[in-house]
């Protein structure tokens, strides 16, 4: 085999070996520690968390509750009767700087809740500090990864939502019923599509934080809607 043929093969082999290269030792240790913490949640294994938590650890969970190490350990309890589950790392990224590491990981949760299976995802961002005893978790922020809800069938031919809605005298949205959802148009903006979650409640695919909730008057006629982001509403009124 001539050099012209050998060289490209060696380059390709080099790429293959590089792709299979082991992560740095610190990253491997941090990943093992992170998975150990996740594995300890379902059985409520206080010993694992007690060992890997820094004495000054602070955690903010997905419900915006702030806990110190003592409170974190007190909160750890085994899953109750009829519940089984686990958490597995799905995406793991590390930024190292001297004796500090910032880790962000997205985790898949499997929970069998009395025979009904729930699949959820969580995004955690952790700050680790390297000590003589190894890496210790100093800070953690937990977020529930929001997903689109399932949609329900929607009859566009019997649509009570079509019309013009005003936020102010100058800001107007036009809603039309198309296919399995609503098409919302505003001047100078792309058309947005909303699907029905429940009667009078619609969501925009890809934006699970918001809902468009239609309101009705005493006679049952649609009188407007609110744009709801979490618990905050912006009201729109139906125009004649």
Protein backbone atom coordinates (compact mmCIF):
# COMPACT_ATOMS: atom_id res chain seq x y z
CA UNK A 1 0.00 0.00 0.00
CA UNK A 2 1.47 3.35 -1.04
CA UNK A 3 1.93 6.35 1.25
CA UNK A 4 -0.91 8.18 -0.47
CA UNK A 5 -3.28 5.43 0.66
CA UNK A 6 -1.77 4.88 4.09
CA UNK A 7 -1.89 8.52 5.21
CA UNK A 8 -5.69 8.97 4.90
CA UNK A 9 -6.22 5.66 6.72
CA UNK A 10 -3.99 6.79 9.59
CA UNK A 11 -5.87 10.08 9.81
CA UNK A 12 -9.19 8.26 9.98
CA UNK A 13 -7.87 5.89 12.65
CA UNK A 14 -6.62 8.88 14.62
CA UNK A 15 -10.09 10.42 14.53
CA UNK A 16 -11.64 7.12 15.65
CA UNK A 17 -9.23 6.82 18.59
CA UNK A 18 -9.82 10.46 19.55
CA UNK A 19 -13.59 9.93 19.48
CA UNK A 20 -13.21 6.98 21.87
CA UNK A 21 -10.73 8.72 24.17
CA UNK A 22 -11.54 8.57 27.84
CA UNK A 23 -12.69 11.82 29.50
CA UNK A 24 -10.25 13.50 31.91
CA UNK A 25 -10.06 11.85 35.36
CA UNK A 26 -11.74 14.80 37.08
CA UNK A 27 -14.70 14.67 34.69
CA UNK A 28 -15.04 10.91 35.18
CA UNK A 29 -15.00 11.30 38.95
CA UNK A 30 -17.56 14.08 38.84
CA UNK A 31 -19.84 12.00 36.65
CA UNK A 32 -19.55 9.00 39.00
CA UNK A 33 -20.29 11.20 41.99
CA UNK A 34 -23.26 12.79 40.24
CA UNK A 35 -24.78 9.43 39.30
CA UNK A 36 -24.19 8.16 42.84
CA UNK A 37 -26.19 11.10 44.20
CA UNK A 38 -29.00 10.42 41.72
CA UNK A 39 -29.03 6.71 42.59
CA UNK A 40 -29.32 7.60 46.27
CA UNK A 41 -32.51 9.67 45.88
CA UNK A 42 -35.08 6.86 45.45
CA UNK A 43 -33.87 4.80 48.44
CA UNK A 44 -33.25 7.94 50.49
CA UNK A 45 -29.58 7.04 51.04
CA UNK A 46 -28.46 9.78 53.41
CA UNK A 47 -24.93 8.36 53.73
CA UNK A 48 -24.05 9.00 50.07
CA UNK A 49 -25.33 12.57 50.16
CA UNK A 50 -23.72 13.20 53.53
CA UNK A 51 -20.34 12.11 52.16
CA UNK A 52 -20.45 14.06 48.89
CA UNK A 53 -22.06 17.29 50.11
CA UNK A 54 -19.78 20.12 51.17
CA UNK A 55 -20.49 21.30 54.75
CA UNK A 56 -21.53 24.69 53.30
CA UNK A 57 -23.70 23.23 50.52
CA UNK A 58 -26.74 25.15 49.25
CA UNK A 59 -29.45 23.62 47.08
CA UNK A 60 -32.31 25.32 45.24
CA UNK A 61 -34.86 22.76 44.07
CA UNK A 62 -37.42 22.91 41.26
CA UNK A 63 -40.04 24.34 43.66
CA UNK A 64 -37.71 27.26 44.56
CA UNK A 65 -37.03 25.87 48.04
CA UNK A 66 -33.57 26.74 49.38
CA UNK A 67 -31.87 24.21 51.68
CA UNK A 68 -28.55 23.87 53.47
CA UNK A 69 -26.79 20.54 54.02
CA UNK A 70 -28.72 19.66 57.18
CA UNK A 71 -32.04 20.39 55.47
CA UNK A 72 -31.06 18.47 52.32
CA UNK A 73 -30.25 15.36 54.35
CA UNK A 74 -33.44 15.70 56.40
CA UNK A 75 -35.50 15.85 53.19
CA UNK A 76 -34.10 12.56 51.83
CA UNK A 77 -36.68 9.82 52.30
CA UNK A 78 -37.23 6.52 50.48
CA UNK A 79 -40.01 6.47 47.90
CA UNK A 80 -43.33 5.51 49.46
CA UNK A 81 -45.25 2.25 48.96
CA UNK A 82 -46.40 1.75 45.37
CA UNK A 83 -43.62 3.94 43.95
CA UNK A 84 -40.45 2.82 42.19
CA UNK A 85 -38.11 4.96 40.14
CA UNK A 86 -34.65 6.06 39.17
CA UNK A 87 -32.73 8.95 37.64
CA UNK A 88 -30.13 8.49 34.89
CA UNK A 89 -27.73 11.07 33.45
CA UNK A 90 -28.58 11.79 29.81
CA UNK A 91 -26.38 14.83 29.11
CA UNK A 92 -23.31 15.83 31.10
CA UNK A 93 -21.04 18.87 30.65
CA UNK A 94 -18.18 20.11 32.81
CA UNK A 95 -16.25 23.38 33.08
CA UNK A 96 -13.09 23.02 35.21
CA UNK A 97 -11.11 25.86 36.77
CA UNK A 98 -8.40 24.95 39.28
CA UNK A 99 -10.19 23.35 42.25
CA UNK A 100 -13.72 24.38 41.13
CA UNK A 101 -15.97 22.59 38.65
CA UNK A 102 -19.31 23.70 37.26
CA UNK A 103 -21.37 20.78 35.99
CA UNK A 104 -24.67 20.88 34.15
CA UNK A 105 -26.51 17.65 33.49
CA UNK A 106 -29.95 16.73 32.17
CA UNK A 107 -31.39 13.59 33.75
CA UNK A 108 -34.12 11.17 32.78
CA UNK A 109 -36.51 10.19 35.55
CA UNK A 110 -38.49 6.96 35.43
CA UNK A 111 -41.24 6.76 38.03
CA UNK A 112 -43.79 4.00 38.39
CA UNK A 113 -46.57 5.73 40.31
CA UNK A 114 -48.96 3.03 41.48
CA UNK A 115 -48.83 1.30 38.10
CA UNK A 116 -48.73 4.43 35.94
CA UNK A 117 -45.37 5.28 34.43
CA UNK A 118 -44.18 8.90 34.42
CA UNK A 119 -41.15 9.96 32.39
CA UNK A 120 -39.78 13.35 33.42
CA UNK A 121 -36.57 15.27 32.87
CA UNK A 122 -34.59 17.53 35.18
CA UNK A 123 -31.78 19.99 34.48
CA UNK A 124 -29.32 20.35 37.35
CA UNK A 125 -26.39 22.78 37.52
CA UNK A 126 -23.87 21.89 40.22
CA UNK A 127 -20.80 23.62 41.63
CA UNK A 128 -18.16 21.25 43.00
CA UNK A 129 -15.10 22.09 45.12
CA UNK A 130 -12.03 19.87 45.14
CA UNK A 131 -10.85 19.04 48.67
CA UNK A 132 -8.20 16.70 50.11
CA UNK A 133 -11.00 14.10 50.37
CA UNK A 134 -12.09 14.52 46.74
CA UNK A 135 -14.81 16.53 45.01
CA UNK A 136 -17.59 17.86 47.21
CA UNK A 137 -20.87 19.38 46.03
CA UNK A 138 -21.08 23.02 47.11
CA UNK A 139 -24.12 24.33 45.21
CA UNK A 140 -26.99 22.89 43.19
CA UNK A 141 -29.83 24.41 41.16
CA UNK A 142 -32.58 22.02 40.01
CA UNK A 143 -35.01 22.80 37.19
CA UNK A 144 -37.87 20.68 35.90
CA UNK A 145 -37.54 20.47 32.13
CA UNK A 146 -40.92 21.49 30.79
CA UNK A 147 -42.48 19.68 27.87
CA UNK A 148 -45.53 20.21 25.69
CA UNK A 149 -48.70 18.64 27.11
CA UNK A 150 -50.71 16.19 25.02
CA UNK A 151 -53.23 17.90 22.76
CA UNK A 152 -56.91 16.95 22.43
CA UNK A 153 -58.94 16.78 19.20
CA UNK A 154 -60.17 20.15 18.09
CA UNK A 155 -63.03 20.77 15.67
CA UNK A 156 -62.03 23.79 13.62
CA UNK A 157 -65.42 23.83 11.89
CA UNK A 158 -67.23 24.55 15.18
CA UNK A 159 -64.81 27.24 16.28
CA UNK A 160 -65.95 29.83 18.80
CA UNK A 161 -62.56 31.54 19.02
CA UNK A 162 -62.19 33.11 15.55
CA UNK A 163 -62.13 36.89 15.63
CA UNK A 164 -60.07 39.95 16.50
CA UNK A 165 -58.68 40.56 19.98
CA UNK A 166 -57.12 43.74 21.33
CA UNK A 167 -54.40 44.22 23.93
CA UNK A 168 -54.37 47.98 23.34
CA UNK A 169 -55.91 50.18 20.69
CA UNK A 170 -52.87 49.58 18.48
CA UNK A 171 -52.01 45.95 19.33
CA UNK A 172 -54.52 43.58 17.73
CA UNK A 173 -54.37 39.83 17.09
CA UNK A 174 -56.53 37.97 14.59
CA UNK A 175 -57.39 34.36 15.34
CA UNK A 176 -58.55 31.83 12.75
CA UNK A 177 -59.34 28.17 13.19
CA UNK A 178 -57.17 26.01 10.93
CA UNK A 179 -56.85 22.25 10.96
CA UNK A 180 -56.27 20.98 14.48
CA UNK A 181 -55.58 24.34 16.08
CA UNK A 182 -55.66 28.12 16.05
CA UNK A 183 -53.65 30.39 13.77
CA UNK A 184 -52.83 33.69 15.46
CA UNK A 185 -51.68 36.66 13.37
CA UNK A 186 -50.31 40.06 14.36
CA UNK A 187 -49.09 42.71 11.96
CA UNK A 188 -45.42 42.29 11.14
CA UNK A 189 -45.05 38.98 12.97
CA UNK A 190 -45.03 35.34 11.86
CA UNK A 191 -48.24 33.34 12.24
CA UNK A 192 -48.30 31.31 15.45
CA UNK A 193 -50.14 28.00 15.88
CA UNK A 194 -51.83 26.87 19.09
CA UNK A 195 -53.21 23.42 19.94
CA UNK A 196 -55.97 22.58 22.41
CA UNK A 197 -54.90 21.20 25.78
CA UNK A 198 -58.42 21.27 27.25
CA UNK A 199 -61.56 23.14 26.15
CA UNK A 200 -60.73 26.88 26.13
CA UNK A 201 -57.06 26.25 27.00
CA UNK A 202 -54.46 26.26 24.20
CA UNK A 203 -50.67 25.93 24.08
CA UNK A 204 -48.06 26.78 21.50
CA UNK A 205 -45.85 23.76 20.63
CA UNK A 206 -42.31 24.32 21.80
CA UNK A 207 -43.28 26.91 24.42
CA UNK A 208 -44.64 24.91 27.38
CA UNK A 209 -44.31 27.80 29.86
CA UNK A 210 -47.27 29.66 28.36
CA UNK A 211 -50.99 29.07 27.83
CA UNK A 212 -53.70 30.97 26.00
CA UNK A 213 -56.86 30.69 28.11
CA UNK A 214 -60.12 31.89 26.60
CA UNK A 215 -62.74 33.55 28.77
CA UNK A 216 -66.51 33.58 28.34
CA UNK A 217 -69.26 35.96 29.36
CA UNK A 218 -72.42 35.06 31.26
CA UNK A 219 -74.03 33.86 28.03
CA UNK A 220 -71.16 31.48 27.24
CA UNK A 221 -69.76 33.57 24.38
CA UNK A 222 -65.98 33.96 24.11
CA UNK A 223 -65.21 37.47 25.37
CA UNK A 224 -61.42 37.42 25.36
CA UNK A 225 -58.40 35.47 26.47
CA UNK A 226 -55.44 35.75 28.79
CA UNK A 227 -51.85 35.03 27.85
CA UNK A 228 -50.62 33.14 30.91
CA UNK A 229 -46.92 32.69 31.63
CA UNK A 230 -46.73 30.59 34.78
CA UNK A 231 -49.21 32.36 37.09
CA UNK A 232 -49.05 35.78 35.41
CA UNK A 233 -51.78 36.89 33.00
CA UNK A 234 -51.99 39.48 30.25
CA UNK A 235 -55.61 40.11 29.22
CA UNK A 236 -56.87 40.56 25.67
CA UNK A 237 -60.45 41.63 24.89
CA UNK A 238 -62.50 40.44 21.95
CA UNK A 239 -63.25 43.22 19.46
CA UNK A 240 -66.57 43.70 17.67
